[in-house]
Amino acid sequence: MYNKKLRKTKDLKAASKLQIYKSIIRPAVTYGCETGAMTVTEKIRLLVFERRVLRKIYGPTLGNDGTWRIKTNENLEILIKKKIL
C-alpha cells in the first residue's frame, strides 16, 4: 500500500509525488473497479480518496488572514489543470 511517509516527506517535490500517484497508486486503486459496474457511491469514494491524496501532496495553503488551511476543491482543480493530471 501507499507509504504515508512517502506522501509527507519534504525530500520529494510535489511533481515527483504526483507522478508516483498517477503511475502506481491510481491504477492500483482503480483496478478493482474495472471488473464490474461502478456505483455512484464507489465513484464518490474514489473522488474523495483522490482529493485526499492530492491535498497531502500539495500541502496546506496560507490564507489571506495568515492562517493555514487545506486546499479547496477549486484550488486542487487549478493545480490539476496546470499539471494535466
Protein backbone atom coordinates (compact mmCIF):
# COMPACT_ATOMS: atom_id res chain seq x y z
CA MET A 1 0.00 0.00 0.00
CA TYR A 2 0.97 3.62 -0.45
CA ASN A 3 3.51 4.60 2.17
CA LYS A 4 2.34 7.59 4.24
CA LYS A 5 5.94 8.63 4.88
CA LEU A 6 6.47 8.99 1.13
CA ARG A 7 3.45 11.29 0.91
CA LYS A 8 4.65 13.52 3.74
CA THR A 9 8.38 13.65 3.00
CA LYS A 10 9.88 17.01 2.18
CA ASP A 11 12.68 15.40 0.14
CA LEU A 12 10.43 14.79 -2.88
CA LYS A 13 8.84 17.64 -4.81
CA ALA A 14 5.11 17.71 -5.48
CA ALA A 15 5.69 16.86 -9.14
CA SER A 16 7.50 13.64 -8.19
CA LYS A 17 4.81 12.68 -5.70
CA LEU A 18 2.15 13.39 -8.31
CA GLN A 19 3.94 11.16 -10.81
CA ILE A 20 4.10 8.33 -8.25
CA TYR A 21 0.40 8.77 -7.58
CA LYS A 22 -0.51 8.71 -11.28
CA SER A 23 1.68 5.75 -12.19
CA ILE A 24 1.36 3.45 -9.16
CA ILE A 25 -1.39 4.40 -6.74
CA ARG A 26 -4.26 5.37 -9.03
CA PRO A 27 -4.00 2.19 -11.17
CA ALA A 28 -3.84 0.01 -8.05
CA VAL A 29 -6.89 1.66 -6.50
CA THR A 30 -8.98 1.58 -9.67
CA TYR A 31 -8.04 -2.00 -10.62
CA GLY A 32 -10.97 -3.47 -8.71
CA CYS A 33 -13.41 -1.09 -10.37
CA GLU A 34 -12.64 -2.49 -13.82
CA THR A 35 -14.29 -5.84 -13.16
CA GLY A 36 -17.84 -4.59 -12.69
CA ALA A 37 -20.17 -1.65 -12.96
CA MET A 38 -19.24 1.22 -10.67
CA THR A 39 -21.97 2.56 -8.42
CA VAL A 40 -22.41 6.24 -7.63
CA THR A 41 -21.21 5.62 -4.08
CA GLU A 42 -18.00 3.98 -5.30
CA LYS A 43 -17.36 6.84 -7.71
CA ILE A 44 -17.79 9.40 -4.92
CA ARG A 45 -15.44 7.43 -2.66
CA LEU A 46 -12.77 7.33 -5.36
CA LEU A 47 -13.06 11.09 -5.89
CA VAL A 48 -12.79 11.71 -2.15
CA PHE A 49 -9.72 9.45 -1.96
CA GLU A 50 -8.09 11.26 -4.88
CA ARG A 51 -8.72 14.68 -3.34
CA ARG A 52 -7.33 13.50 -0.01
CA VAL A 53 -4.12 12.26 -1.66
CA LEU A 54 -3.76 15.47 -3.69
CA ARG A 55 -4.21 17.59 -0.57
CA LYS A 56 -1.41 15.62 1.12
CA ILE A 57 0.82 16.04 -1.93
CA TYR A 58 0.33 19.78 -2.34
CA GLY A 59 0.08 20.63 1.36
CA PRO A 60 -1.81 23.46 3.05
CA THR A 61 -2.44 26.98 1.77
CA LEU A 62 -1.68 30.20 3.59
CA GLY A 63 -4.92 32.16 3.83
CA ASN A 64 -5.38 35.92 3.50
CA ASP A 65 -5.60 36.28 7.27
CA GLY A 66 -2.28 34.47 7.83
CA THR A 67 -3.75 31.13 8.90
CA TRP A 68 -3.06 27.79 7.25
CA ARG A 69 -5.93 25.81 5.74
CA ILE A 70 -6.41 22.81 3.47
CA LYS A 71 -6.81 23.42 -0.23
CA THR A 72 -10.35 23.64 -1.55
CA ASN A 73 -11.61 21.52 -4.43
CA GLU A 74 -11.31 24.59 -6.67
CA ASN A 75 -7.65 25.03 -5.71
CA LEU A 76 -6.99 21.37 -6.49
CA GLU A 77 -8.72 21.65 -9.87
CA ILE A 78 -6.49 24.59 -10.79
CA LEU A 79 -3.37 22.64 -9.79
CA ILE A 80 -4.57 19.56 -11.68
CA LYS A 81 -5.15 21.58 -14.85
CA LYS A 82 -1.64 23.02 -14.60
CA LYS A 83 -0.09 19.54 -14.23
CA ILE A 84 -2.59 17.81 -16.56
CA LEU A 85 -3.39 15.01 -14.12
